[in-house]
N, C-alpha and C. Protein backbone atom coordinates (compact mmCIF):
# COMPACT_ATOMS: atom_id res chain seq x y z
N MET A 1 31.17 17.93 88.92
CA MET A 1 32.25 17.46 88.06
C MET A 1 31.75 17.46 86.61
N LYS A 2 32.61 17.92 85.71
CA LYS A 2 32.26 17.98 84.28
C LYS A 2 32.12 16.58 83.69
N GLN A 3 31.18 16.44 82.79
CA GLN A 3 31.01 15.21 82.04
C GLN A 3 31.44 15.48 80.60
N PHE A 4 32.35 14.66 80.08
CA PHE A 4 32.86 14.83 78.72
C PHE A 4 32.31 13.76 77.81
N ARG A 5 31.96 14.16 76.61
CA ARG A 5 31.55 13.22 75.56
C ARG A 5 32.80 12.96 74.72
N VAL A 6 33.03 11.71 74.37
CA VAL A 6 34.20 11.31 73.59
C VAL A 6 33.72 10.62 72.33
N ALA A 7 34.14 11.13 71.17
CA ALA A 7 33.79 10.54 69.87
C ALA A 7 34.93 9.64 69.43
N LEU A 8 34.66 8.34 69.36
CA LEU A 8 35.67 7.38 68.93
C LEU A 8 35.70 7.29 67.40
N ASP A 9 36.79 6.75 66.85
CA ASP A 9 36.92 6.60 65.40
C ASP A 9 35.83 5.69 64.83
N SER A 10 35.32 4.77 65.64
CA SER A 10 34.28 3.84 65.18
C SER A 10 32.93 4.51 65.05
N GLY A 11 32.81 5.77 65.49
CA GLY A 11 31.54 6.48 65.43
C GLY A 11 30.78 6.42 66.74
N GLU A 12 31.25 5.61 67.67
CA GLU A 12 30.62 5.48 68.97
C GLU A 12 30.95 6.70 69.84
N THR A 13 29.99 7.13 70.66
CA THR A 13 30.21 8.25 71.57
C THR A 13 30.05 7.77 73.00
N LEU A 14 31.05 8.05 73.83
CA LEU A 14 31.05 7.62 75.23
C LEU A 14 31.05 8.84 76.14
N THR A 15 30.62 8.64 77.40
CA THR A 15 30.62 9.71 78.38
C THR A 15 31.59 9.35 79.50
N TYR A 16 32.46 10.32 79.85
CA TYR A 16 33.44 10.14 80.92
C TYR A 16 33.38 11.34 81.84
N SER A 17 33.70 11.12 83.12
CA SER A 17 33.92 12.25 84.02
C SER A 17 35.31 12.79 83.67
N GLU A 18 35.62 13.99 84.12
CA GLU A 18 36.91 14.61 83.81
C GLU A 18 38.07 13.75 84.29
N SER A 19 37.99 13.25 85.51
CA SER A 19 39.09 12.44 86.06
C SER A 19 39.21 11.09 85.34
N GLU A 20 38.09 10.47 84.99
CA GLU A 20 38.13 9.19 84.26
C GLU A 20 38.75 9.38 82.88
N LEU A 21 38.40 10.47 82.22
CA LEU A 21 38.94 10.74 80.89
C LEU A 21 40.43 11.00 80.94
N GLU A 22 40.89 11.81 81.90
CA GLU A 22 42.33 12.07 82.03
C GLU A 22 43.09 10.77 82.28
N GLU A 23 42.55 9.91 83.12
CA GLU A 23 43.21 8.64 83.42
C GLU A 23 43.26 7.75 82.18
N ALA A 24 42.16 7.68 81.43
CA ALA A 24 42.13 6.87 80.21
C ALA A 24 43.14 7.38 79.18
N LEU A 25 43.28 8.68 79.06
CA LEU A 25 44.25 9.27 78.12
C LEU A 25 45.67 9.02 78.60
N ARG A 26 45.92 9.21 79.89
CA ARG A 26 47.26 9.04 80.45
C ARG A 26 47.76 7.61 80.28
N HIS A 27 46.87 6.64 80.42
CA HIS A 27 47.26 5.23 80.33
C HIS A 27 47.13 4.66 78.92
N GLY A 28 46.80 5.51 77.95
CA GLY A 28 46.79 5.08 76.55
C GLY A 28 45.57 4.28 76.14
N ARG A 29 44.51 4.29 76.96
CA ARG A 29 43.29 3.56 76.58
C ARG A 29 42.52 4.31 75.50
N LEU A 30 42.78 5.60 75.38
CA LEU A 30 42.19 6.43 74.33
C LEU A 30 43.32 7.15 73.61
N ALA A 31 43.20 7.31 72.30
CA ALA A 31 44.23 7.99 71.51
C ALA A 31 44.13 9.50 71.70
N ASP A 32 45.25 10.19 71.43
CA ASP A 32 45.26 11.65 71.55
C ASP A 32 44.40 12.32 70.49
N SER A 33 44.03 11.59 69.45
CA SER A 33 43.26 12.18 68.36
C SER A 33 41.75 12.09 68.56
N VAL A 34 41.27 11.37 69.61
CA VAL A 34 39.83 11.31 69.82
C VAL A 34 39.30 12.70 70.10
N LEU A 35 38.09 12.95 69.65
CA LEU A 35 37.47 14.25 69.84
C LEU A 35 36.68 14.25 71.15
N VAL A 36 36.81 15.34 71.91
CA VAL A 36 36.08 15.45 73.18
C VAL A 36 35.27 16.74 73.18
N TRP A 37 34.18 16.71 73.95
CA TRP A 37 33.32 17.87 74.08
C TRP A 37 32.65 17.82 75.44
N CYS A 38 32.45 19.00 76.04
CA CYS A 38 31.66 19.10 77.27
C CYS A 38 30.85 20.38 77.18
N GLU A 39 29.89 20.48 78.06
CA GLU A 39 29.04 21.65 78.08
C GLU A 39 29.90 22.90 78.29
N GLY A 40 29.66 23.91 77.49
CA GLY A 40 30.44 25.15 77.57
C GLY A 40 31.48 25.26 76.48
N MET A 41 31.81 24.15 75.80
CA MET A 41 32.78 24.19 74.70
C MET A 41 32.02 24.51 73.40
N ALA A 42 32.60 25.34 72.57
CA ALA A 42 31.97 25.73 71.32
C ALA A 42 31.91 24.58 70.33
N ASP A 43 32.96 23.76 70.29
CA ASP A 43 33.02 22.69 69.30
C ASP A 43 33.84 21.53 69.86
N TRP A 44 33.80 20.40 69.18
CA TRP A 44 34.60 19.23 69.55
C TRP A 44 36.06 19.54 69.30
N LYS A 45 36.94 19.10 70.20
CA LYS A 45 38.37 19.33 70.05
C LYS A 45 39.12 18.03 70.29
N PRO A 46 40.33 17.89 69.70
CA PRO A 46 41.15 16.71 69.99
C PRO A 46 41.52 16.67 71.47
N ALA A 47 41.58 15.48 72.02
CA ALA A 47 41.87 15.30 73.45
C ALA A 47 43.20 15.93 73.85
N ILE A 48 44.18 15.91 72.95
CA ILE A 48 45.49 16.44 73.27
C ILE A 48 45.45 17.96 73.51
N GLU A 49 44.48 18.65 72.91
CA GLU A 49 44.34 20.09 73.13
C GLU A 49 43.61 20.41 74.42
N VAL A 50 42.68 19.53 74.82
CA VAL A 50 41.89 19.77 76.03
C VAL A 50 42.62 19.30 77.28
N PHE A 51 43.36 18.18 77.17
CA PHE A 51 44.09 17.60 78.31
C PHE A 51 45.57 17.41 77.98
N PRO A 52 46.32 18.50 77.73
CA PRO A 52 47.72 18.33 77.35
C PRO A 52 48.58 17.66 78.42
N ALA A 53 48.23 17.86 79.68
CA ALA A 53 49.03 17.27 80.76
C ALA A 53 48.96 15.74 80.76
N ALA A 54 47.88 15.19 80.22
CA ALA A 54 47.73 13.73 80.19
C ALA A 54 48.72 13.09 79.22
N PHE A 55 49.29 13.89 78.32
CA PHE A 55 50.22 13.36 77.33
C PHE A 55 51.66 13.78 77.59
N ALA A 56 51.93 14.35 78.76
CA ALA A 56 53.29 14.78 79.09
C ALA A 56 54.21 13.58 79.15
N LEU A 57 55.39 13.72 78.59
CA LEU A 57 56.36 12.64 78.52
C LEU A 57 57.58 12.96 79.36
N PRO A 58 58.25 11.94 79.93
CA PRO A 58 59.50 12.21 80.62
C PRO A 58 60.55 12.69 79.62
N VAL A 59 61.37 13.62 80.02
CA VAL A 59 62.38 14.19 79.14
C VAL A 59 63.74 13.62 79.48
N PRO A 60 64.35 12.86 78.58
CA PRO A 60 65.69 12.37 78.85
C PRO A 60 66.72 13.47 78.61
N ALA A 61 67.73 13.52 79.45
CA ALA A 61 68.80 14.50 79.25
C ALA A 61 69.74 13.97 78.18
N SER A 62 70.33 14.86 77.41
CA SER A 62 71.30 14.45 76.41
C SER A 62 72.62 14.11 77.11
N ALA A 63 73.59 13.65 76.35
CA ALA A 63 74.87 13.24 76.92
C ALA A 63 75.57 14.39 77.65
N ASP A 64 75.40 15.62 77.17
CA ASP A 64 76.05 16.76 77.83
C ASP A 64 75.18 17.38 78.92
N GLY A 65 74.04 16.75 79.22
CA GLY A 65 73.18 17.21 80.31
C GLY A 65 72.26 18.35 79.94
N GLU A 66 72.25 18.78 78.68
CA GLU A 66 71.40 19.88 78.27
C GLU A 66 70.14 19.34 77.60
N HIS A 67 69.10 20.16 77.60
CA HIS A 67 67.85 19.80 76.94
C HIS A 67 67.71 20.61 75.66
N ASP A 68 66.90 20.10 74.74
CA ASP A 68 66.64 20.77 73.49
C ASP A 68 65.92 22.10 73.77
N PRO A 69 66.45 23.24 73.31
CA PRO A 69 65.81 24.53 73.60
C PRO A 69 64.45 24.68 72.91
N TYR A 70 64.14 23.79 71.97
CA TYR A 70 62.85 23.81 71.28
C TYR A 70 61.72 23.52 72.26
N LEU A 71 62.01 22.82 73.35
CA LEU A 71 60.99 22.40 74.29
C LEU A 71 61.04 23.23 75.56
N SER A 72 59.90 23.37 76.21
CA SER A 72 59.83 24.01 77.52
C SER A 72 59.57 22.92 78.54
N TYR A 73 60.12 23.05 79.74
CA TYR A 73 60.02 21.97 80.72
C TYR A 73 59.50 22.46 82.06
N HIS A 74 58.77 21.58 82.75
CA HIS A 74 58.44 21.79 84.16
C HIS A 74 59.67 21.42 84.97
N SER A 75 59.72 21.85 86.20
CA SER A 75 60.85 21.48 87.05
C SER A 75 60.85 19.99 87.35
N THR A 76 59.72 19.31 87.13
CA THR A 76 59.65 17.87 87.37
C THR A 76 60.28 17.07 86.25
N GLY A 77 60.66 17.71 85.15
CA GLY A 77 61.27 17.01 84.03
C GLY A 77 60.27 16.50 83.02
N LEU A 78 59.02 16.96 83.07
CA LEU A 78 58.03 16.55 82.09
C LEU A 78 57.92 17.60 81.00
N VAL A 79 57.61 17.16 79.79
CA VAL A 79 57.43 18.11 78.70
C VAL A 79 56.17 18.91 78.99
N ALA A 80 56.31 20.21 79.09
CA ALA A 80 55.15 21.06 79.34
C ALA A 80 54.52 21.49 78.03
N SER A 81 55.34 21.98 77.12
CA SER A 81 54.81 22.41 75.84
C SER A 81 55.94 22.57 74.84
N ALA A 82 55.56 22.56 73.58
CA ALA A 82 56.49 22.83 72.50
C ALA A 82 55.76 23.70 71.50
N ALA A 83 56.44 24.65 70.94
CA ALA A 83 55.85 25.51 69.92
C ALA A 83 56.41 25.08 68.57
N CYS A 84 55.56 24.53 67.72
CA CYS A 84 55.98 24.08 66.40
C CYS A 84 56.15 25.29 65.49
N PRO A 85 57.33 25.46 64.88
CA PRO A 85 57.54 26.61 64.00
C PRO A 85 56.82 26.48 62.66
N VAL A 86 56.36 25.27 62.32
CA VAL A 86 55.70 25.05 61.03
C VAL A 86 54.20 25.34 61.10
N CYS A 87 53.50 24.67 62.05
CA CYS A 87 52.04 24.81 62.11
C CYS A 87 51.55 25.67 63.27
N GLY A 88 52.45 26.04 64.19
CA GLY A 88 52.05 26.88 65.31
C GLY A 88 51.48 26.13 66.49
N TYR A 89 51.44 24.80 66.44
CA TYR A 89 50.92 23.98 67.53
C TYR A 89 51.71 24.23 68.81
N THR A 90 51.02 24.35 69.94
CA THR A 90 51.67 24.46 71.23
C THR A 90 51.08 23.39 72.14
N GLY A 91 51.91 22.51 72.63
CA GLY A 91 51.44 21.43 73.50
C GLY A 91 52.49 20.35 73.61
N PRO A 92 52.14 19.22 74.21
CA PRO A 92 53.10 18.14 74.38
C PRO A 92 53.51 17.53 73.05
N VAL A 93 54.73 17.06 72.98
CA VAL A 93 55.26 16.45 71.76
C VAL A 93 55.82 15.07 72.07
N GLN A 94 56.03 14.29 71.04
CA GLN A 94 56.65 12.98 71.19
C GLN A 94 58.14 13.11 70.97
N LEU A 95 58.94 12.60 71.91
CA LEU A 95 60.39 12.64 71.77
C LEU A 95 60.89 11.34 71.18
N LYS A 96 61.78 11.44 70.21
CA LYS A 96 62.35 10.26 69.57
C LYS A 96 63.86 10.43 69.46
N ARG A 97 64.54 9.35 69.09
CA ARG A 97 65.97 9.44 68.84
C ARG A 97 66.31 8.58 67.64
N ALA A 98 67.35 8.99 66.92
CA ALA A 98 67.77 8.29 65.71
C ALA A 98 69.30 8.22 65.69
N PHE A 99 69.82 7.16 65.13
CA PHE A 99 71.25 6.95 65.01
C PHE A 99 71.84 8.06 64.15
N ASN A 100 72.89 8.74 64.60
CA ASN A 100 73.46 9.86 63.85
C ASN A 100 74.66 9.42 63.01
N THR A 101 75.20 10.36 62.24
CA THR A 101 76.32 10.08 61.34
C THR A 101 77.56 9.59 62.09
N THR A 102 77.84 10.20 63.22
CA THR A 102 78.99 9.77 64.03
C THR A 102 78.84 8.31 64.42
N GLY A 103 77.66 7.94 64.84
CA GLY A 103 77.40 6.55 65.23
C GLY A 103 77.60 5.59 64.07
N VAL A 104 77.16 5.98 62.89
CA VAL A 104 77.32 5.12 61.71
C VAL A 104 78.80 4.96 61.37
N ILE A 105 79.56 6.06 61.42
CA ILE A 105 81.00 5.99 61.11
C ILE A 105 81.72 5.08 62.09
N ILE A 106 81.45 5.26 63.39
CA ILE A 106 82.09 4.40 64.39
C ILE A 106 81.70 2.94 64.19
N LEU A 107 80.44 2.69 63.89
CA LEU A 107 79.97 1.33 63.66
C LEU A 107 80.70 0.69 62.48
N VAL A 108 80.84 1.42 61.37
CA VAL A 108 81.52 0.88 60.18
C VAL A 108 82.99 0.61 60.48
N ILE A 109 83.65 1.55 61.15
CA ILE A 109 85.06 1.35 61.49
C ILE A 109 85.24 0.11 62.36
N LEU A 110 84.39 -0.04 63.36
CA LEU A 110 84.48 -1.21 64.23
C LEU A 110 84.15 -2.50 63.48
N LEU A 111 83.23 -2.45 62.55
CA LEU A 111 82.91 -3.64 61.76
C LEU A 111 84.11 -4.08 60.93
N VAL A 112 84.82 -3.11 60.34
CA VAL A 112 85.97 -3.42 59.50
C VAL A 112 87.18 -3.84 60.32
N MET A 113 87.47 -3.10 61.38
CA MET A 113 88.70 -3.34 62.14
C MET A 113 88.56 -4.41 63.22
N CYS A 114 87.45 -4.42 63.90
CA CYS A 114 87.27 -5.38 65.00
C CYS A 114 85.78 -5.69 65.11
N TRP A 115 85.28 -6.55 64.22
CA TRP A 115 83.86 -6.77 64.07
C TRP A 115 83.15 -7.19 65.36
N ILE A 116 83.84 -7.80 66.27
CA ILE A 116 83.19 -8.26 67.50
C ILE A 116 82.72 -7.11 68.38
N LEU A 117 83.28 -5.89 68.18
CA LEU A 117 82.91 -4.73 68.98
C LEU A 117 81.94 -3.78 68.27
N PHE A 118 81.35 -4.24 67.16
CA PHE A 118 80.47 -3.38 66.37
C PHE A 118 79.29 -2.84 67.18
N TRP A 119 78.85 -3.51 68.21
CA TRP A 119 77.67 -3.15 68.99
C TRP A 119 77.89 -1.93 69.90
N ILE A 120 79.12 -1.54 70.15
CA ILE A 120 79.40 -0.46 71.09
C ILE A 120 78.68 0.85 70.74
N PRO A 121 78.71 1.32 69.48
CA PRO A 121 77.99 2.57 69.19
C PRO A 121 76.48 2.47 69.40
N LEU A 122 75.95 1.26 69.38
CA LEU A 122 74.52 1.09 69.56
C LEU A 122 74.06 1.39 70.99
N VAL A 123 74.99 1.34 71.94
CA VAL A 123 74.63 1.59 73.34
C VAL A 123 75.17 2.92 73.88
N ILE A 124 75.89 3.65 73.05
CA ILE A 124 76.43 4.95 73.48
C ILE A 124 75.43 6.05 73.10
N ASP A 125 75.00 6.81 74.10
CA ASP A 125 73.97 7.82 73.90
C ASP A 125 74.39 8.91 72.92
N SER A 126 75.66 9.27 72.86
CA SER A 126 76.11 10.34 71.97
C SER A 126 76.09 9.94 70.50
N CYS A 127 75.82 8.68 70.21
CA CYS A 127 75.71 8.22 68.82
C CYS A 127 74.28 8.39 68.30
N TYR A 128 73.43 9.00 69.09
CA TYR A 128 72.04 9.22 68.71
C TYR A 128 71.71 10.70 68.74
N ASP A 129 70.84 11.14 67.83
CA ASP A 129 70.30 12.49 67.84
C ASP A 129 68.89 12.42 68.42
N ARG A 130 68.55 13.39 69.25
CA ARG A 130 67.19 13.46 69.80
C ARG A 130 66.42 14.51 69.00
N TYR A 131 65.14 14.23 68.81
CA TYR A 131 64.29 15.20 68.14
C TYR A 131 62.87 15.06 68.64
N ALA A 132 62.09 16.12 68.47
CA ALA A 132 60.69 16.13 68.87
C ALA A 132 59.83 16.07 67.62
N VAL A 133 58.69 15.39 67.71
CA VAL A 133 57.76 15.28 66.59
C VAL A 133 56.46 15.97 66.95
N CYS A 134 56.07 16.93 66.14
CA CYS A 134 54.81 17.65 66.35
C CYS A 134 53.65 16.68 66.08
N PRO A 135 52.69 16.55 67.00
CA PRO A 135 51.59 15.62 66.77
C PRO A 135 50.60 16.10 65.71
N ARG A 136 50.63 17.39 65.38
CA ARG A 136 49.68 17.90 64.39
C ARG A 136 50.21 17.76 62.97
N CYS A 137 51.42 18.28 62.69
CA CYS A 137 51.93 18.26 61.31
C CYS A 137 53.04 17.22 61.10
N ARG A 138 53.46 16.54 62.15
CA ARG A 138 54.46 15.48 62.11
C ARG A 138 55.85 15.96 61.69
N CYS A 139 56.12 17.28 61.80
CA CYS A 139 57.46 17.76 61.47
C CYS A 139 58.42 17.39 62.58
N ARG A 140 59.68 17.20 62.22
CA ARG A 140 60.72 16.85 63.18
C ARG A 140 61.53 18.09 63.50
N ARG A 141 61.87 18.23 64.77
CA ARG A 141 62.65 19.40 65.16
C ARG A 141 63.71 18.96 66.15
């Protein structure tokens, strides 16, 4: 079994087996930006490049049941990879959502006309836009 060296931000270097390292990354005990190295690797690399599967996220379906074509998916519904058009990064991405213009308009109308129902757009999925964030350049897509 491969032994990986992990360089922490504090300057400390730890040794993990491959399975221990994947588990630590999957459960968030180590950040995706920590550098890892094992025998046979030319240089230290970020953990997210060496173990992309450990950072796979569940993919929520949009209101119309379609997924963002920017992302590629496994049949299990996990993010397999994304190709960033800005920096060329290929790997797992972070999915986020933000309140869209339609949601704001509905919220304002409800606040003016019937303020007690203002919360309705906050729970309707179609009032939000979904986007992916590249972990390398932080661009939104």
